[in-house]
Protein backbone atom coordinates (compact mmCIF):
# COMPACT_ATOMS: atom_id res chain seq x y z
CA MET A 1 106.67 106.58 100.71
CA ASN A 2 104.37 108.68 98.53
CA LYS A 3 101.32 106.80 99.81
CA LEU A 4 102.43 107.22 103.43
CA ILE A 5 102.92 110.97 103.01
CA ALA A 6 99.63 111.32 101.16
CA PHE A 7 97.76 109.41 103.88
CA LEU A 8 99.41 111.31 106.73
CA GLY A 9 98.83 114.67 105.05
CA ALA A 10 95.20 113.96 104.19
CA SER A 11 94.48 112.64 107.67
CA ALA A 12 96.11 115.69 109.30
CA VAL A 13 93.98 118.07 107.24
CA GLY A 14 90.85 115.99 107.83
CA LEU A 15 91.40 115.79 111.57
CA GLY A 16 92.20 119.50 111.71
CA ALA A 17 88.90 120.24 109.98
CA LEU A 18 87.09 117.87 112.33
CA GLY A 19 88.55 119.70 115.31
CA ALA A 20 87.79 123.15 113.99
CA HIS A 21 84.29 122.53 112.66
CA THR A 22 82.82 119.70 114.70
CA LEU A 23 84.70 119.00 117.91
CA ALA A 24 84.81 122.68 118.85
CA ARG A 25 81.13 122.36 119.75
CA PHE A 26 81.68 119.42 122.10
CA LEU A 27 85.09 119.88 123.72
CA ASP A 28 86.25 122.30 126.38
CA GLU A 29 88.99 124.78 125.51
CA SER A 30 91.79 122.71 127.07
CA SER A 31 90.80 119.57 125.16
CA LEU A 32 90.47 121.50 121.93
CA ASP A 33 93.93 123.03 122.48
CA SER A 34 95.36 119.53 122.97
CA PHE A 35 93.66 118.36 119.78
CA LYS A 36 95.13 121.34 117.90
CA THR A 37 98.59 120.48 119.25
CA ALA A 38 98.21 116.92 117.97
CA VAL A 39 97.19 118.19 114.53
CA PHE A 40 100.09 120.65 114.51
CA TYR A 41 102.71 117.98 115.25
CA HIS A 42 100.99 115.63 112.80
CA ILE A 43 101.15 118.10 109.90
CA VAL A 44 104.65 119.42 110.74
CA HIS A 45 106.13 115.94 110.70
CA THR A 46 104.22 115.02 107.55
CA ILE A 47 105.70 118.06 105.81
CA ALA A 48 109.12 117.10 107.18
CA LEU A 49 108.65 113.62 105.68
CA LEU A 50 107.82 115.23 102.35
CA ALA A 51 111.02 117.30 102.55
CA LEU A 52 112.99 114.14 103.32
CA LYS A 53 111.41 112.17 100.47
CA ASN A 54 114.44 112.21 98.18
CA HIS A 55 117.08 112.03 100.90
CA PRO A 56 119.21 108.91 100.38
CA HIS A 57 119.51 108.09 104.09
CA ARG A 58 115.98 108.46 105.35
CA THR A 59 114.64 105.09 106.47
CA LEU A 60 115.23 105.42 110.21
CA THR A 61 113.91 108.98 110.30
CA VAL A 62 110.78 108.00 108.35
CA TRP A 63 110.05 105.19 110.81
CA LEU A 64 110.66 107.35 113.87
CA TRP A 65 108.51 110.24 112.66
CA SER A 66 105.71 107.99 111.39
CA LEU A 67 105.54 106.14 114.71
CA GLY A 68 105.79 109.49 116.48
CA ILE A 69 102.71 110.72 114.62
CA LEU A 70 100.85 107.53 115.45
CA LEU A 71 101.76 107.49 119.15
CA PHE A 72 101.92 111.21 119.96
CA SER A 73 99.13 112.64 117.83
CA GLY A 74 97.09 109.45 117.75
CA SER A 75 97.02 109.10 121.52
CA ILE A 76 96.00 112.73 121.95
CA TYR A 77 93.23 112.39 119.36
CA LEU A 78 91.86 109.41 121.27
CA LEU A 79 92.35 110.84 124.76
CA VAL A 80 90.58 114.07 123.88
CA THR A 81 87.62 112.40 122.18
CA ASP A 82 87.16 109.43 124.53
CA ILE A 83 84.34 111.22 126.34
CA LEU A 84 82.47 111.55 123.04
CA ILE A 85 82.67 107.82 122.32
CA ASN A 86 82.00 106.96 125.97
CA VAL A 87 85.16 104.87 126.39
CA ASP A 88 87.80 105.51 129.05
CA LEU A 89 91.14 105.66 127.22
CA ASN A 90 93.21 107.20 130.03
CA PHE A 91 95.59 104.24 129.83
CA LEU A 92 96.90 105.88 126.61
CA GLY A 93 98.32 108.83 128.58
CA PRO A 94 101.82 107.34 128.89
CA ILE A 95 101.92 106.68 125.14
CA THR A 96 101.95 110.38 124.25
CA PRO A 97 105.46 111.16 125.57
CA ILE A 98 106.83 108.04 123.85
CA GLY A 99 105.62 109.54 120.58
CA GLY A 100 107.33 112.80 121.49
CA ILE A 101 110.57 110.96 122.16
CA LEU A 102 110.26 109.31 118.74
CA PHE A 103 109.90 112.74 117.14
CA ILE A 104 113.07 113.90 118.89
CA ALA A 105 114.91 110.71 117.95
CA GLY A 106 113.87 111.22 114.33
CA TRP A 107 115.34 114.70 114.29
CA LEU A 108 118.52 113.48 115.96
CA SER A 109 118.80 110.62 113.49
CA LEU A 110 119.47 113.21 110.80
CA ILE A 111 122.79 113.98 112.46
CA ALA A 112 124.35 110.66 111.50
CA PRO A 113 123.22 109.84 107.94
CA SER A 114 125.44 106.74 107.83
CA MET A 115 123.25 105.21 110.57
CA ASN A 116 120.06 106.27 108.80
CA LYS A 117 119.98 103.96 105.79
């Protein structure tokens, strides 16, 4: 789990820096706001994973949040930058809310620790 958290944290900071220092020159304000939202959810759920690290009943939550980061933040990162790589990735649009649902499910999974082993 340490490696997962380290990777997710480093990638959130790196992508945040990319958005702030490089993409800001190429993206419109709306796209940049979406990118910032993706980074925000990415880092918040990475920190939440870190807080959950020593929790005995964490497996389900870890999976849900990790997949949420991949699907929610990952799809936004790709959708926002597709114009820069000249590839139409609009088919990823429906993936974003699935990632959001996984985030919610991860939070709700903390309610019933006996199910979260």
